[in-house]
Amino acid sequence: MRTIDLNAYRNELARQILSTDDLEVLKKVKKYFARVAKVEDTAAVAEEKEDLTPYTMEEINSWIDEAEAEEEAGIPGIPWQEARADLLKECPWLCK
């Protein structure tokens, strides 16, 4: 049963990636996947360290607009308890 669930998740992720037409989104997904999966991609790691460009107000405002649109559409977000648990898992020193 676990293999079926795993394959279903993989297939859904593959469908979403293949349907994406935005190169910037795909670059971000690749970077996040490498970080989460701990994949040894030295070029991506070097690029990540070098790219210290701050976010623009347009990017930040677009994120806010997306979140507001999701809220209006009734798409649930991450509960604060789950977000806090994830943050403390990644940054345990914040718990002090």
Protein backbone atom coordinates (compact mmCIF):
# COMPACT_ATOMS: atom_id res chain seq x y z
CA MET A 1 0.00 0.00 0.00
CA ARG A 2 2.87 2.37 0.81
CA THR A 3 4.40 1.89 -2.66
CA ILE A 4 1.10 2.82 -4.29
CA ASP A 5 0.91 6.03 -2.24
CA LEU A 6 4.54 6.87 -3.05
CA ASN A 7 3.98 6.28 -6.77
CA ALA A 8 0.80 8.36 -6.69
CA TYR A 9 2.70 11.27 -5.13
CA ARG A 10 5.51 10.93 -7.66
CA ASN A 11 3.05 10.86 -10.56
CA GLU A 12 1.18 13.90 -9.28
CA LEU A 13 4.42 15.82 -8.79
CA ALA A 14 5.63 14.84 -12.26
CA ARG A 15 2.32 15.98 -13.79
CA GLN A 16 2.56 19.35 -12.03
CA ILE A 17 6.17 19.86 -13.10
CA LEU A 18 5.47 18.88 -16.71
CA SER A 19 2.51 21.26 -16.89
CA THR A 20 4.59 24.23 -15.67
CA ASP A 21 5.59 26.70 -18.36
CA ASP A 22 7.52 29.13 -16.13
CA LEU A 23 11.29 28.57 -16.17
CA GLU A 24 11.80 30.54 -12.94
CA VAL A 25 9.31 28.32 -11.11
CA LEU A 26 11.10 25.21 -12.38
CA LYS A 27 14.47 26.59 -11.26
CA LYS A 28 13.08 27.25 -7.77
CA VAL A 29 11.53 23.77 -7.61
CA LYS A 30 14.85 22.19 -8.58
CA LYS A 31 16.71 24.22 -5.96
CA TYR A 32 14.20 23.38 -3.22
CA PHE A 33 14.14 19.71 -4.17
CA ALA A 34 17.93 19.52 -4.01
CA ARG A 35 17.89 21.13 -0.58
CA VAL A 36 15.11 18.94 0.81
CA ALA A 37 16.35 15.68 -0.71
CA LYS A 38 19.95 16.51 0.21
CA VAL A 39 20.94 15.81 -3.38
CA GLU A 40 24.60 16.50 -4.04
CA ASP A 41 24.40 19.03 -6.84
CA THR A 42 27.49 21.17 -6.38
CA ALA A 43 26.60 23.55 -9.19
CA ALA A 44 23.23 24.31 -7.62
CA VAL A 45 24.80 24.75 -4.18
CA ALA A 46 27.46 27.11 -5.56
CA GLU A 47 24.81 29.05 -7.47
CA GLU A 48 22.63 29.26 -4.36
CA LYS A 49 25.50 30.67 -2.30
CA GLU A 50 26.37 33.26 -4.93
CA ASP A 51 22.83 34.45 -5.63
CA LEU A 52 22.20 36.93 -2.82
CA THR A 53 19.87 39.13 -4.81
CA PRO A 54 17.18 40.55 -2.51
CA TYR A 55 13.54 40.02 -3.36
CA THR A 56 11.86 42.88 -5.17
CA MET A 57 8.68 44.51 -3.93
CA GLU A 58 6.94 43.14 -7.03
CA GLU A 59 7.86 39.57 -6.04
CA ILE A 60 6.74 40.08 -2.46
CA ASN A 61 3.49 41.71 -3.55
CA SER A 62 2.82 38.90 -6.02
CA TRP A 63 3.21 36.34 -3.19
CA ILE A 64 0.75 38.32 -1.09
CA ASP A 65 -1.68 38.52 -4.02
CA GLU A 66 -1.42 34.74 -4.56
CA ALA A 67 -2.07 34.05 -0.87
CA GLU A 68 -5.07 36.40 -0.83
CA ALA A 69 -6.48 34.77 -3.98
CA GLU A 70 -6.07 31.32 -2.42
CA GLU A 71 -7.81 32.51 0.74
CA GLU A 72 -10.71 33.97 -1.27
CA ALA A 73 -10.98 30.71 -3.24
CA GLY A 74 -11.18 28.77 0.02
CA ILE A 75 -7.89 26.95 -0.50
CA PRO A 76 -6.59 26.08 2.97
CA GLY A 77 -3.12 27.17 3.98
CA ILE A 78 -0.75 25.60 6.47
CA PRO A 79 -2.03 25.76 10.05
CA TRP A 80 0.24 27.89 12.26
CA GLN A 81 0.95 24.90 14.49
CA GLU A 82 2.34 22.94 11.54
CA ALA A 83 4.35 25.93 10.27
CA ARG A 84 5.80 26.48 13.77
CA ALA A 85 6.69 22.78 14.12
CA ASP A 86 8.44 22.82 10.73
CA LEU A 87 10.33 25.99 11.65
CA LEU A 88 11.47 24.57 14.99
CA LYS A 89 12.51 21.34 13.29
CA GLU A 90 14.75 23.29 10.89
CA CYS A 91 15.87 25.86 13.48
CA PRO A 92 15.81 24.21 16.93
CA TRP A 93 17.74 27.07 18.52
CA LEU A 94 14.60 29.23 18.20
CA CYS A 95 13.03 27.14 20.95
CA LYS A 96 15.36 28.52 23.63
